[in-house]
Every structure is written in structure tokens, then in C-alpha cells.
Amino acid sequence: MQRAGPIGGSILHISLTERLDGYVRQKVEEGLYNNASEVIREALRLQIASEQSKLEALRSDVDAAWQQADRGEFVDYSLRGVLAELPQDT
């Protein structure tokens, strides 16, 4: 990546599918954004927020599971034990 100047930011050239290119152009033409860079930045911000939200939810679920295990609320599981209980093909 190349630096764009003293203000910050950088120049990054990307390739979009026709569908995505059309979407970006449509948003600019509708006046929702001033240029394509704004559309891409907003899309990336939303993607980052979505990923962070999913990660927080996963961490919360794992924490709840650990708390249940600490309280003894779990089932002892063995794959070999489950496989041993399956009927044998003859």
C-alpha cells in the first residue's frame, strides 16, 4: 500500500465484480455517498462490527459453557463410547 499524504489514509487498488461495482456506483449516484471510497469504507466498518459482534457472542457462549462445567452441569462424552454403542454391520 502507498501512503496518500500527511493527512493519513492510504491508496489501495481493488477489483470488484460487476455486481459489486454496480452497487457502489448506484449508492454514489443516489447521493447516499460522495464517492466510491465512502461506500467501501462504510462496508468495511459494518463488516468489522459484524465480526466483532459474532466474536463477542461466541465468547459469551463459551464463558457460559465454562460456568456450567464448573458447576458440574455437563455430560461426560466419549466418541469411542458412542461408536461402540452403534449396531455392528454384519
N, C-alpha and C. Protein backbone atom coordinates (compact mmCIF):
# COMPACT_ATOMS: atom_id res chain seq x y z
N MET A 1 0.84 -1.18 0.00
CA MET A 1 0.00 0.00 0.00
C MET A 1 0.88 1.24 0.00
N GLN A 2 0.39 2.27 -0.59
CA GLN A 2 1.12 3.53 -0.63
C GLN A 2 0.42 4.54 0.25
N ARG A 3 1.19 5.35 0.92
CA ARG A 3 0.62 6.43 1.72
C ARG A 3 0.13 7.53 0.80
N ALA A 4 -1.01 8.12 1.15
CA ALA A 4 -1.61 9.14 0.31
C ALA A 4 -1.19 10.54 0.68
N GLY A 5 -0.54 10.71 1.79
CA GLY A 5 -0.13 12.06 2.16
C GLY A 5 -0.06 12.22 3.65
N PRO A 6 0.23 13.44 4.11
CA PRO A 6 0.43 13.67 5.54
C PRO A 6 -0.84 13.55 6.37
N ILE A 7 -2.01 13.62 5.75
CA ILE A 7 -3.26 13.55 6.50
C ILE A 7 -3.56 12.12 6.92
N GLY A 8 -3.03 11.17 6.24
CA GLY A 8 -3.27 9.77 6.57
C GLY A 8 -4.04 9.09 5.46
N GLY A 9 -4.47 7.90 5.77
CA GLY A 9 -5.15 7.12 4.76
C GLY A 9 -4.14 6.54 3.80
N SER A 10 -4.58 5.67 2.97
CA SER A 10 -3.67 5.05 2.01
C SER A 10 -4.43 4.77 0.73
N ILE A 11 -3.69 4.53 -0.31
CA ILE A 11 -4.28 4.21 -1.60
C ILE A 11 -4.20 2.70 -1.77
N LEU A 12 -5.32 2.11 -2.09
CA LEU A 12 -5.38 0.68 -2.30
C LEU A 12 -6.25 0.45 -3.53
N HIS A 13 -5.72 -0.22 -4.50
CA HIS A 13 -6.49 -0.51 -5.70
C HIS A 13 -7.14 -1.87 -5.53
N ILE A 14 -8.44 -1.93 -5.77
CA ILE A 14 -9.18 -3.18 -5.61
C ILE A 14 -9.95 -3.48 -6.89
N SER A 15 -10.28 -4.75 -7.06
CA SER A 15 -11.11 -5.17 -8.19
C SER A 15 -12.44 -5.66 -7.64
N LEU A 16 -13.52 -5.22 -8.27
CA LEU A 16 -14.86 -5.61 -7.85
C LEU A 16 -15.53 -6.38 -8.97
N THR A 17 -16.44 -7.27 -8.59
CA THR A 17 -17.27 -7.92 -9.60
C THR A 17 -18.19 -6.86 -10.21
N GLU A 18 -18.76 -7.18 -11.33
CA GLU A 18 -19.68 -6.23 -11.97
C GLU A 18 -20.83 -5.88 -11.03
N ARG A 19 -21.31 -6.88 -10.33
CA ARG A 19 -22.43 -6.67 -9.41
C ARG A 19 -22.06 -5.69 -8.29
N LEU A 20 -20.89 -5.90 -7.68
CA LEU A 20 -20.46 -5.00 -6.61
C LEU A 20 -20.14 -3.61 -7.13
N ASP A 21 -19.52 -3.55 -8.29
CA ASP A 21 -19.22 -2.26 -8.90
C ASP A 21 -20.52 -1.49 -9.15
N GLY A 22 -21.52 -2.19 -9.67
CA GLY A 22 -22.82 -1.55 -9.91
C GLY A 22 -23.46 -1.06 -8.62
N TYR A 23 -23.33 -1.84 -7.57
CA TYR A 23 -23.89 -1.45 -6.27
C TYR A 23 -23.22 -0.18 -5.75
N VAL A 24 -21.89 -0.15 -5.82
CA VAL A 24 -21.15 1.02 -5.34
C VAL A 24 -21.55 2.25 -6.15
N ARG A 25 -21.56 2.10 -7.46
CA ARG A 25 -21.93 3.24 -8.33
C ARG A 25 -23.36 3.72 -8.05
N GLN A 26 -24.27 2.78 -7.80
CA GLN A 26 -25.65 3.13 -7.52
C GLN A 26 -25.75 3.96 -6.25
N LYS A 27 -25.03 3.57 -5.21
CA LYS A 27 -25.08 4.30 -3.95
C LYS A 27 -24.55 5.72 -4.11
N VAL A 28 -23.51 5.87 -4.92
CA VAL A 28 -22.96 7.21 -5.17
C VAL A 28 -23.96 8.03 -6.00
N GLU A 29 -24.53 7.42 -7.04
CA GLU A 29 -25.49 8.11 -7.89
C GLU A 29 -26.74 8.53 -7.12
N GLU A 30 -27.15 7.72 -6.16
CA GLU A 30 -28.32 8.05 -5.34
C GLU A 30 -28.03 9.17 -4.35
N GLY A 31 -26.77 9.52 -4.23
CA GLY A 31 -26.40 10.60 -3.34
C GLY A 31 -26.21 10.17 -1.89
N LEU A 32 -26.24 8.87 -1.65
CA LEU A 32 -26.05 8.39 -0.29
C LEU A 32 -24.60 8.54 0.16
N TYR A 33 -23.68 8.55 -0.79
CA TYR A 33 -22.25 8.70 -0.52
C TYR A 33 -21.68 9.66 -1.55
N ASN A 34 -20.60 10.32 -1.19
CA ASN A 34 -19.97 11.27 -2.11
C ASN A 34 -19.10 10.59 -3.15
N ASN A 35 -18.57 9.41 -2.81
CA ASN A 35 -17.70 8.72 -3.76
C ASN A 35 -17.61 7.24 -3.39
N ALA A 36 -16.96 6.49 -4.25
CA ALA A 36 -16.86 5.05 -4.06
C ALA A 36 -16.09 4.70 -2.79
N SER A 37 -15.09 5.49 -2.46
CA SER A 37 -14.30 5.21 -1.25
C SER A 37 -15.18 5.23 0.00
N GLU A 38 -16.12 6.16 0.06
CA GLU A 38 -17.02 6.21 1.22
C GLU A 38 -17.87 4.95 1.31
N VAL A 39 -18.34 4.44 0.18
CA VAL A 39 -19.15 3.22 0.17
C VAL A 39 -18.32 2.05 0.69
N ILE A 40 -17.10 1.92 0.19
CA ILE A 40 -16.23 0.81 0.60
C ILE A 40 -15.87 0.93 2.07
N ARG A 41 -15.54 2.13 2.55
CA ARG A 41 -15.20 2.31 3.96
C ARG A 41 -16.38 1.93 4.86
N GLU A 42 -17.58 2.34 4.48
CA GLU A 42 -18.77 2.01 5.29
C GLU A 42 -19.00 0.49 5.29
N ALA A 43 -18.82 -0.13 4.14
CA ALA A 43 -19.00 -1.58 4.06
C ALA A 43 -17.99 -2.29 4.96
N LEU A 44 -16.75 -1.82 4.97
CA LEU A 44 -15.74 -2.43 5.82
C LEU A 44 -16.03 -2.19 7.29
N ARG A 45 -16.48 -0.99 7.65
CA ARG A 45 -16.85 -0.72 9.04
C ARG A 45 -17.96 -1.66 9.51
N LEU A 46 -18.95 -1.85 8.66
CA LEU A 46 -20.06 -2.76 9.01
C LEU A 46 -19.58 -4.20 9.13
N GLN A 47 -18.68 -4.62 8.25
CA GLN A 47 -18.14 -5.98 8.31
C GLN A 47 -17.35 -6.18 9.60
N ILE A 48 -16.53 -5.21 9.96
CA ILE A 48 -15.75 -5.30 11.19
C ILE A 48 -16.68 -5.37 12.40
N ALA A 49 -17.71 -4.52 12.42
CA ALA A 49 -18.66 -4.53 13.54
C ALA A 49 -19.38 -5.87 13.63
N SER A 50 -19.75 -6.43 12.48
CA SER A 50 -20.44 -7.73 12.45
C SER A 50 -19.52 -8.83 13.00
N GLU A 51 -18.27 -8.83 12.57
CA GLU A 51 -17.33 -9.84 13.05
C GLU A 51 -17.10 -9.70 14.55
N GLN A 52 -16.98 -8.47 15.03
CA GLN A 52 -16.77 -8.25 16.46
C GLN A 52 -17.98 -8.71 17.27
N SER A 53 -19.17 -8.45 16.75
CA SER A 53 -20.40 -8.86 17.42
C SER A 53 -20.48 -10.39 17.51
N LYS A 54 -20.15 -11.06 16.41
CA LYS A 54 -20.17 -12.53 16.41
C LYS A 54 -19.14 -13.09 17.38
N LEU A 55 -17.97 -12.48 17.42
CA LEU A 55 -16.92 -12.94 18.32
C LEU A 55 -17.33 -12.74 19.78
N GLU A 56 -17.94 -11.59 20.08
CA GLU A 56 -18.41 -11.35 21.44
C GLU A 56 -19.49 -12.36 21.84
N ALA A 57 -20.40 -12.68 20.92
CA ALA A 57 -21.44 -13.66 21.21
C ALA A 57 -20.83 -15.04 21.45
N LEU A 58 -19.85 -15.41 20.64
CA LEU A 58 -19.19 -16.69 20.81
C LEU A 58 -18.47 -16.75 22.16
N ARG A 59 -17.76 -15.69 22.50
CA ARG A 59 -17.06 -15.65 23.79
C ARG A 59 -18.04 -15.75 24.95
N SER A 60 -19.19 -15.10 24.82
CA SER A 60 -20.21 -15.16 25.86
C SER A 60 -20.74 -16.58 26.01
N ASP A 61 -20.99 -17.24 24.88
CA ASP A 61 -21.48 -18.63 24.91
C ASP A 61 -20.45 -19.57 25.52
N VAL A 62 -19.19 -19.37 25.16
CA VAL A 62 -18.13 -20.22 25.71
C VAL A 62 -18.00 -19.98 27.21
N ASP A 63 -18.07 -18.72 27.62
CA ASP A 63 -17.99 -18.40 29.05
C ASP A 63 -19.14 -19.06 29.81
N ALA A 64 -20.35 -19.01 29.26
CA ALA A 64 -21.50 -19.65 29.90
C ALA A 64 -21.29 -21.16 30.00
N ALA A 65 -20.72 -21.75 28.96
CA ALA A 65 -20.46 -23.19 28.97
C ALA A 65 -19.42 -23.55 30.04
N TRP A 66 -18.37 -22.73 30.17
CA TRP A 66 -17.37 -22.98 31.21
C TRP A 66 -18.00 -22.87 32.60
N GLN A 67 -18.88 -21.90 32.79
CA GLN A 67 -19.55 -21.75 34.08
C GLN A 67 -20.40 -22.98 34.39
N GLN A 68 -21.11 -23.50 33.37
CA GLN A 68 -21.90 -24.71 33.57
C GLN A 68 -21.00 -25.88 33.94
N ALA A 69 -19.87 -26.01 33.26
CA ALA A 69 -18.94 -27.10 33.55
C ALA A 69 -18.39 -26.97 34.97
N ASP A 70 -18.08 -25.75 35.37
CA ASP A 70 -17.58 -25.52 36.74
C ASP A 70 -18.61 -25.93 37.79
N ARG A 71 -19.88 -25.81 37.43
CA ARG A 71 -20.95 -26.22 38.35
C ARG A 71 -21.27 -27.71 38.24
N GLY A 72 -20.57 -28.41 37.36
CA GLY A 72 -20.80 -29.84 37.18
C GLY A 72 -21.96 -30.15 36.26
N GLU A 73 -22.43 -29.16 35.54
CA GLU A 73 -23.57 -29.34 34.63
C GLU A 73 -23.06 -29.68 33.23
N PHE A 74 -22.57 -30.91 33.09
CA PHE A 74 -22.10 -31.34 31.78
C PHE A 74 -22.28 -32.84 31.66
N VAL A 75 -22.14 -33.33 30.46
CA VAL A 75 -22.26 -34.76 30.17
C VAL A 75 -20.89 -35.25 29.75
N ASP A 76 -20.45 -36.31 30.39
CA ASP A 76 -19.18 -36.91 30.01
C ASP A 76 -19.37 -37.57 28.65
N TYR A 77 -18.58 -37.20 27.69
CA TYR A 77 -18.76 -37.66 26.32
C TYR A 77 -17.49 -38.31 25.81
N SER A 78 -17.66 -39.43 25.16
CA SER A 78 -16.55 -40.11 24.52
C SER A 78 -17.01 -40.58 23.15
N LEU A 79 -16.34 -40.17 22.13
CA LEU A 79 -16.69 -40.60 20.77
C LEU A 79 -16.55 -42.11 20.65
N ARG A 80 -15.53 -42.66 21.22
CA ARG A 80 -15.34 -44.12 21.16
C ARG A 80 -16.51 -44.83 21.84
N GLY A 81 -16.97 -44.27 22.95
CA GLY A 81 -18.11 -44.88 23.66
C GLY A 81 -19.37 -44.84 22.81
N VAL A 82 -19.61 -43.73 22.15
CA VAL A 82 -20.79 -43.62 21.28
C VAL A 82 -20.68 -44.59 20.12
N LEU A 83 -19.51 -44.66 19.50
CA LEU A 83 -19.30 -45.57 18.37
C LEU A 83 -19.47 -47.03 18.79
N ALA A 84 -19.04 -47.34 20.00
CA ALA A 84 -19.14 -48.72 20.50
C ALA A 84 -20.60 -49.12 20.68
N GLU A 85 -21.47 -48.14 20.94
CA GLU A 85 -22.90 -48.43 21.15
C GLU A 85 -23.67 -48.61 19.84
N LEU A 86 -23.09 -48.23 18.72
CA LEU A 86 -23.77 -48.37 17.43
C LEU A 86 -23.85 -49.83 17.04
N PRO A 87 -24.95 -50.23 16.37
CA PRO A 87 -25.05 -51.61 15.92
C PRO A 87 -23.94 -51.93 14.92
N GLN A 88 -23.41 -53.12 15.02
CA GLN A 88 -22.36 -53.57 14.12
C GLN A 88 -22.99 -54.06 12.83
N ASP A 89 -22.46 -53.63 11.71
CA ASP A 89 -22.94 -54.13 10.41
C ASP A 89 -22.46 -55.56 10.23
N THR A 90 -23.37 -56.43 9.76
CA THR A 90 -22.97 -57.82 9.54
C THR A 90 -23.05 -58.18 8.09
